[in-house]
Amino acid sequence: MNASDLVSVVITTYNRSDALLAVLHGLSLQSDRHFEVIVADDGSLAKHRQLIVGSDVAKFLRVVHVWHPDIGFTAARIRNRGVAAASSGYVVFLDGDCVPDVDFIAQHKALAQAGCFVNGSRVLLSPELTQRVLDGTEQICGRSKLFWIKQRALGHASKLTHLLRLSDGARRVRREFSWKGIRSCNMGVWKADFERVDGFDESFIGWGHEDADFVLRLHHCGVMRKNGFCATEVFHLWHKEASRNNELQNAELVRERVKTVLVRSTLGYSQKRVNDDAVITRL
């Protein structure tokens, strides 16, 4: 992919406007500015929506805010809605609590490859460092190696792989399906491949494994996983663990699909939506 090519960053969020503003701030500092931002809002309260659409950084980035009413954890559905608002041929998924470093867009573009999707990784931050980021007393984008070595020594960062920048190459590509390390919180995919598998399957309700199902169906249609470690790491802000009531059911569905050659969603991106309840705000 050329540096001048546009990519669409689709960010999922729910009632964490403070974290999302930190993510948008990270995007505002990117070395490569050829991207658009779509916030895919899974039903946040009005006060959180207003903090985002009224923010200077959202206006600076000309954010497209896509919101639908809160009916529970429906990440697959709101991601599909976000992609529907995207105008470029390449989509980078990012969670609303994952702050990108300054070369995040540039690195995703460098790794983008026909026939592959890019599976990124993350650095987990401590509650203490997370709070300093959220209250604006600590900047984490574009910091030195010494800063991060210190944070790691103090237990505020889970690893230091983001300090390395390994080149592209065949060693990054995995031809077999592997459930381990799938990260829809940081993933790049060609929109044409997204459409081939009919996006995320909205029959997955509640937390868990809709991303593994998406990757499995990409695998079934010949799209290979390309690892983005030591290139595209994001800083994951700490939060309490979400309810995982549906995890076992969702995991079992993926296990059953591993035995098949299923490619398209049972309830996917292309479905007709009668009386669509999505609200789109373009800043």
Protein backbone atom coordinates (compact mmCIF):
# COMPACT_ATOMS: atom_id res chain seq x y z
CA MET A 1 0.00 0.00 0.00
CA ASN A 2 1.23 3.48 -0.83
CA ALA A 3 1.59 6.06 1.92
CA SER A 4 -0.82 8.33 0.01
CA ASP A 5 -3.60 5.71 0.11
CA LEU A 6 -6.50 6.37 2.45
CA VAL A 7 -7.38 3.90 5.21
CA SER A 8 -10.48 3.85 7.40
CA VAL A 9 -9.99 3.47 11.16
CA VAL A 10 -13.14 1.99 12.74
CA ILE A 11 -13.11 2.44 16.54
CA THR A 12 -15.57 0.61 18.78
CA THR A 13 -16.63 2.33 22.00
CA TYR A 14 -19.20 2.14 24.79
CA ASN A 15 -19.56 4.65 27.62
CA ARG A 16 -15.81 5.38 27.88
CA SER A 17 -15.49 8.84 26.41
CA ASP A 18 -12.34 9.55 28.46
CA ALA A 19 -10.56 6.55 26.95
CA LEU A 20 -11.85 7.28 23.45
CA LEU A 21 -10.59 10.86 23.64
CA ALA A 22 -7.13 9.48 24.49
CA VAL A 23 -7.34 7.21 21.43
CA LEU A 24 -8.41 10.09 19.20
CA HIS A 25 -5.55 12.18 20.59
CA GLY A 26 -3.13 9.42 19.58
CA LEU A 27 -4.59 9.42 16.07
CA SER A 28 -4.21 13.19 15.86
CA LEU A 29 -0.43 12.75 16.32
CA GLN A 30 0.07 10.26 13.48
CA SER A 31 3.05 10.67 11.17
CA ASP A 32 0.82 9.53 8.28
CA ARG A 33 -2.31 11.66 8.05
CA HIS A 34 -4.01 9.87 5.14
CA PHE A 35 -6.79 8.18 7.08
CA GLU A 36 -10.38 8.71 8.16
CA VAL A 37 -11.92 7.91 11.54
CA ILE A 38 -15.27 6.23 12.12
CA VAL A 39 -16.37 5.87 15.74
CA ALA A 40 -18.62 2.80 16.01
CA ASP A 41 -20.60 3.50 19.18
CA ASP A 42 -22.39 0.50 20.70
CA GLY A 43 -25.08 2.54 22.47
CA SER A 44 -23.22 5.00 24.71
CA LEU A 45 -25.23 7.35 26.89
CA ALA A 46 -25.95 10.84 25.59
CA LYS A 47 -23.38 12.46 27.93
CA HIS A 48 -20.59 10.31 26.48
CA ARG A 49 -21.70 10.89 22.89
CA GLN A 50 -21.75 14.64 23.44
CA LEU A 51 -18.27 14.67 24.97
CA ILE A 52 -16.97 13.01 21.81
CA VAL A 53 -18.84 14.87 19.08
CA GLY A 54 -18.23 18.16 20.90
CA SER A 55 -14.48 17.63 21.34
CA ASP A 56 -11.85 19.58 19.45
CA VAL A 57 -9.89 16.44 18.58
CA ALA A 58 -12.94 14.76 16.98
CA LYS A 59 -13.55 17.88 14.91
CA PHE A 60 -9.87 18.07 13.97
CA LEU A 61 -10.00 14.46 12.73
CA ARG A 62 -13.41 15.03 11.09
CA VAL A 63 -14.77 11.98 12.84
CA VAL A 64 -17.82 10.12 11.58
CA HIS A 65 -19.79 8.99 14.65
CA VAL A 66 -22.08 5.98 14.12
CA TRP A 67 -24.36 5.17 17.06
CA HIS A 68 -27.18 2.71 17.67
CA PRO A 69 -29.33 2.15 20.78
CA ASP A 70 -27.94 0.07 23.61
CA ILE A 71 -29.26 -3.49 23.42
CA GLY A 72 -26.30 -5.13 25.17
CA PHE A 73 -22.82 -6.05 23.95
CA THR A 74 -23.16 -6.15 20.17
CA ALA A 75 -19.62 -5.50 18.92
CA ALA A 76 -20.18 -7.43 15.68
CA ARG A 77 -23.21 -5.36 14.77
CA ILE A 78 -21.68 -1.95 15.45
CA ARG A 79 -18.43 -2.85 13.66
CA ASN A 80 -20.48 -3.75 10.58
CA ARG A 81 -22.25 -0.40 10.86
CA GLY A 82 -18.91 1.35 11.14
CA VAL A 83 -17.53 -0.32 8.03
CA ALA A 84 -20.68 0.66 6.14
CA ALA A 85 -19.71 4.30 6.77
CA ALA A 86 -16.10 3.79 5.62
CA SER A 87 -15.05 5.19 2.25
CA SER A 88 -11.64 3.55 1.73
CA GLY A 89 -10.64 0.11 0.52
CA TYR A 90 -8.72 -0.84 3.67
CA VAL A 91 -10.11 -0.91 7.21
CA VAL A 92 -8.17 -0.87 10.47
CA PHE A 93 -10.21 -1.92 13.51
CA LEU A 94 -9.28 -0.33 16.81
CA ASP A 95 -10.93 -0.50 20.22
CA GLY A 96 -11.84 2.68 22.03
CA ASP A 97 -9.42 1.93 24.86
CA CYS A 98 -6.37 1.17 22.69
CA VAL A 99 -4.13 4.20 22.15
CA PRO A 100 -2.02 4.09 18.96
CA ASP A 101 1.56 5.27 18.85
CA VAL A 102 2.54 7.95 16.33
CA ASP A 103 3.46 5.55 13.49
CA PHE A 104 0.46 3.23 13.89
CA ILE A 105 -1.13 4.15 10.56
CA ALA A 106 2.20 4.12 8.72
CA GLN A 107 3.05 0.65 10.05
CA HIS A 108 -0.36 -0.79 9.14
CA LYS A 109 0.07 0.56 5.62
CA ALA A 110 3.56 -0.93 5.39
CA LEU A 111 2.25 -4.38 6.34
CA ALA A 112 -0.91 -4.33 4.22
CA GLN A 113 -0.71 -7.11 1.64
CA ALA A 114 -3.11 -8.65 -0.86
CA GLY A 115 -4.51 -11.96 0.37
CA CYS A 116 -3.74 -11.17 4.02
CA PHE A 117 -5.19 -9.42 7.02
CA VAL A 118 -2.92 -7.90 9.67
CA ASN A 119 -3.39 -9.10 13.25
CA GLY A 120 -1.94 -6.49 15.59
CA SER A 121 -1.01 -6.76 19.25
CA ARG A 122 -1.20 -4.63 22.36
CA VAL A 123 0.73 -3.50 25.42
CA LEU A 124 -1.34 -3.68 28.62
CA LEU A 125 -1.04 -0.65 30.88
CA SER A 126 -1.46 -0.64 34.65
CA PRO A 127 -4.41 1.07 36.40
CA GLU A 128 -2.02 3.75 37.68
CA LEU A 129 -0.54 4.65 34.28
CA THR A 130 -3.99 4.42 32.70
CA GLN A 131 -5.36 6.98 35.15
CA ARG A 132 -2.53 9.40 34.42
CA VAL A 133 -3.28 9.09 30.69
CA LEU A 134 -7.00 9.65 31.23
CA ASP A 135 -6.56 12.71 33.44
CA GLY A 136 -4.03 14.22 31.03
CA THR A 137 -0.99 14.20 33.31
CA GLU A 138 0.92 11.62 31.23
CA GLN A 139 1.59 11.48 27.51
CA ILE A 140 2.34 8.00 26.11
CA CYS A 141 2.50 8.62 22.36
CA GLY A 142 5.95 9.20 20.88
CA ARG A 143 7.80 8.58 24.14
CA SER A 144 11.41 7.45 24.34
CA LYS A 145 12.70 3.93 24.92
CA LEU A 146 13.99 5.05 28.31
CA PHE A 147 10.47 6.11 29.33
CA TRP A 148 9.03 2.71 28.45
CA ILE A 149 11.86 0.74 30.02
CA LYS A 150 11.13 2.64 33.23
CA GLN A 151 7.39 1.95 32.97
CA ARG A 152 8.09 -1.74 32.42
CA ALA A 153 10.42 -1.86 35.44
CA LEU A 154 7.73 -0.23 37.57
CA GLY A 155 5.11 -2.73 36.39
CA HIS A 156 3.09 -0.19 34.39
CA ALA A 157 3.55 -1.86 30.97
CA SER A 158 3.20 -5.57 30.19
CA LYS A 159 5.96 -5.77 27.57
CA LEU A 160 8.38 -3.76 25.42
CA THR A 161 7.80 -5.20 21.93
CA HIS A 162 6.48 -1.83 20.75
CA LEU A 163 10.02 -0.46 20.99
CA LEU A 164 11.11 -2.72 18.12
CA ARG A 165 10.31 -2.21 14.46
CA LEU A 166 10.86 -5.46 12.61
CA SER A 167 10.70 -5.35 8.83
CA ASP A 168 8.04 -6.98 6.69
CA GLY A 169 8.62 -10.50 5.41
CA ALA A 170 7.27 -13.98 4.85
CA ARG A 171 7.88 -14.92 8.49
CA ARG A 172 4.95 -12.74 9.46
CA VAL A 173 2.43 -14.78 7.45
CA ARG A 174 0.67 -17.83 8.93
CA ARG A 175 -1.22 -20.09 6.56
CA GLU A 176 -2.95 -22.17 9.23
CA PHE A 177 -5.81 -21.00 11.43
CA SER A 178 -4.82 -20.22 14.99
CA TRP A 179 -7.18 -18.95 17.66
CA LYS A 180 -4.36 -17.65 19.85
CA GLY A 181 -3.73 -13.92 19.90
CA ILE A 182 -6.55 -12.83 17.59
CA ARG A 183 -7.02 -9.11 18.24
CA SER A 184 -9.97 -7.31 16.65
CA CYS A 185 -8.96 -4.41 18.90
CA ASN A 186 -6.08 -3.91 16.42
CA MET A 187 -6.62 -5.49 13.01
CA GLY A 188 -6.27 -4.41 9.38
CA VAL A 189 -8.28 -5.98 6.55
CA TRP A 190 -9.08 -5.18 2.94
CA LYS A 191 -12.70 -4.10 2.61
CA ALA A 192 -13.14 -6.48 -0.33
CA ASP A 193 -12.14 -9.41 1.91
CA PHE A 194 -14.42 -8.11 4.66
CA GLU A 195 -17.28 -8.15 2.17
CA ARG A 196 -16.36 -11.63 0.87
CA VAL A 197 -17.03 -13.11 4.33
CA ASP A 198 -19.99 -10.76 4.93
CA GLY A 199 -18.28 -9.01 7.82
CA PHE A 200 -18.74 -9.89 11.47
CA ASP A 201 -21.50 -12.34 12.37
CA GLU A 202 -24.13 -10.51 14.40
CA SER A 203 -25.53 -13.76 15.76
CA PHE A 204 -22.65 -13.55 18.29
CA ILE A 205 -24.19 -11.80 21.29
CA GLY A 206 -22.29 -10.77 24.40
CA TRP A 207 -18.53 -10.68 24.94
CA GLY A 208 -16.26 -13.03 23.11
CA HIS A 209 -14.98 -14.72 19.97
CA GLU A 210 -16.87 -12.90 17.22
CA ASP A 211 -13.37 -11.87 16.13
CA ALA A 212 -12.14 -15.49 16.08
CA ASP A 213 -15.15 -16.42 13.94
CA PHE A 214 -14.36 -13.54 11.57
CA VAL A 215 -10.73 -14.68 11.23
CA LEU A 216 -11.80 -18.30 10.75
CA ARG A 217 -14.08 -17.38 7.85
CA LEU A 218 -11.31 -15.26 6.31
CA HIS A 219 -9.11 -18.36 6.57
CA HIS A 220 -11.77 -20.49 4.88
CA CYS A 221 -11.78 -18.19 1.85
CA GLY A 222 -7.98 -18.15 1.60
CA VAL A 223 -7.10 -14.90 3.38
CA MET A 224 -4.02 -15.49 5.52
CA ARG A 225 -3.15 -14.04 8.89
CA LYS A 226 -0.20 -11.67 8.98
CA ASN A 227 1.22 -10.85 12.39
CA GLY A 228 1.79 -7.19 13.17
CA PHE A 229 3.97 -7.64 16.26
CA CYS A 230 6.94 -5.30 16.65
CA ALA A 231 5.26 -2.83 14.34
CA THR A 232 1.62 -2.05 15.16
CA GLU A 233 1.29 -2.43 18.94
CA VAL A 234 -1.24 -0.23 20.74
CA PHE A 235 -1.38 0.80 24.40
CA HIS A 236 -4.37 -0.86 26.05
CA LEU A 237 -5.84 1.24 28.84
CA TRP A 238 -6.77 -0.73 31.92
CA HIS A 239 -10.42 -1.41 32.73
CA LYS A 240 -12.46 -3.85 34.75
CA GLU A 241 -13.24 -7.05 32.89
CA ALA A 242 -16.55 -7.06 31.04
CA SER A 243 -19.23 -9.65 31.71
CA ARG A 244 -18.44 -12.90 29.89
CA ASN A 245 -21.75 -14.67 30.30
CA ASN A 246 -21.91 -15.69 26.64
CA GLU A 247 -18.25 -16.61 26.20
CA LEU A 248 -18.63 -20.39 26.41
CA GLN A 249 -21.56 -20.41 24.00
CA ASN A 250 -19.71 -18.20 21.51
CA ALA A 251 -16.54 -20.28 21.81
CA GLU A 252 -18.45 -23.48 21.15
CA LEU A 253 -19.95 -21.97 18.01
CA VAL A 254 -16.47 -21.17 16.70
CA ARG A 255 -15.28 -24.72 17.50
CA GLU A 256 -18.16 -26.12 15.47
CA ARG A 257 -17.34 -23.83 12.56
CA VAL A 258 -13.71 -24.94 12.56
CA LYS A 259 -15.03 -28.28 11.29
CA THR A 260 -16.78 -26.61 8.35
CA VAL A 261 -15.80 -24.50 5.34
CA LEU A 262 -18.24 -21.72 6.23
CA VAL A 263 -17.24 -18.39 4.70
CA ARG A 264 -20.17 -16.00 5.04
CA SER A 265 -21.88 -14.76 8.18
CA THR A 266 -25.27 -16.16 9.08
CA LEU A 267 -26.32 -12.62 10.05
CA GLY A 268 -23.81 -10.31 8.47
CA TYR A 269 -22.79 -7.02 6.96
CA SER A 270 -24.91 -7.27 3.80
CA GLN A 271 -28.26 -7.92 5.49
CA LYS A 272 -31.09 -5.56 4.73
CA ARG A 273 -31.92 -3.38 7.70
CA VAL A 274 -35.54 -2.32 7.87
CA ASN A 275 -36.18 0.85 9.92
CA ASP A 276 -32.45 1.20 10.59
CA ASP A 277 -31.91 2.74 14.03
CA ALA A 278 -28.33 3.90 13.45
CA VAL A 279 -27.60 7.61 13.91
CA ILE A 280 -24.68 8.97 11.88
CA THR A 281 -23.03 12.29 12.79
CA ARG A 282 -20.32 13.70 10.51
CA LEU A 283 -18.09 16.29 12.13
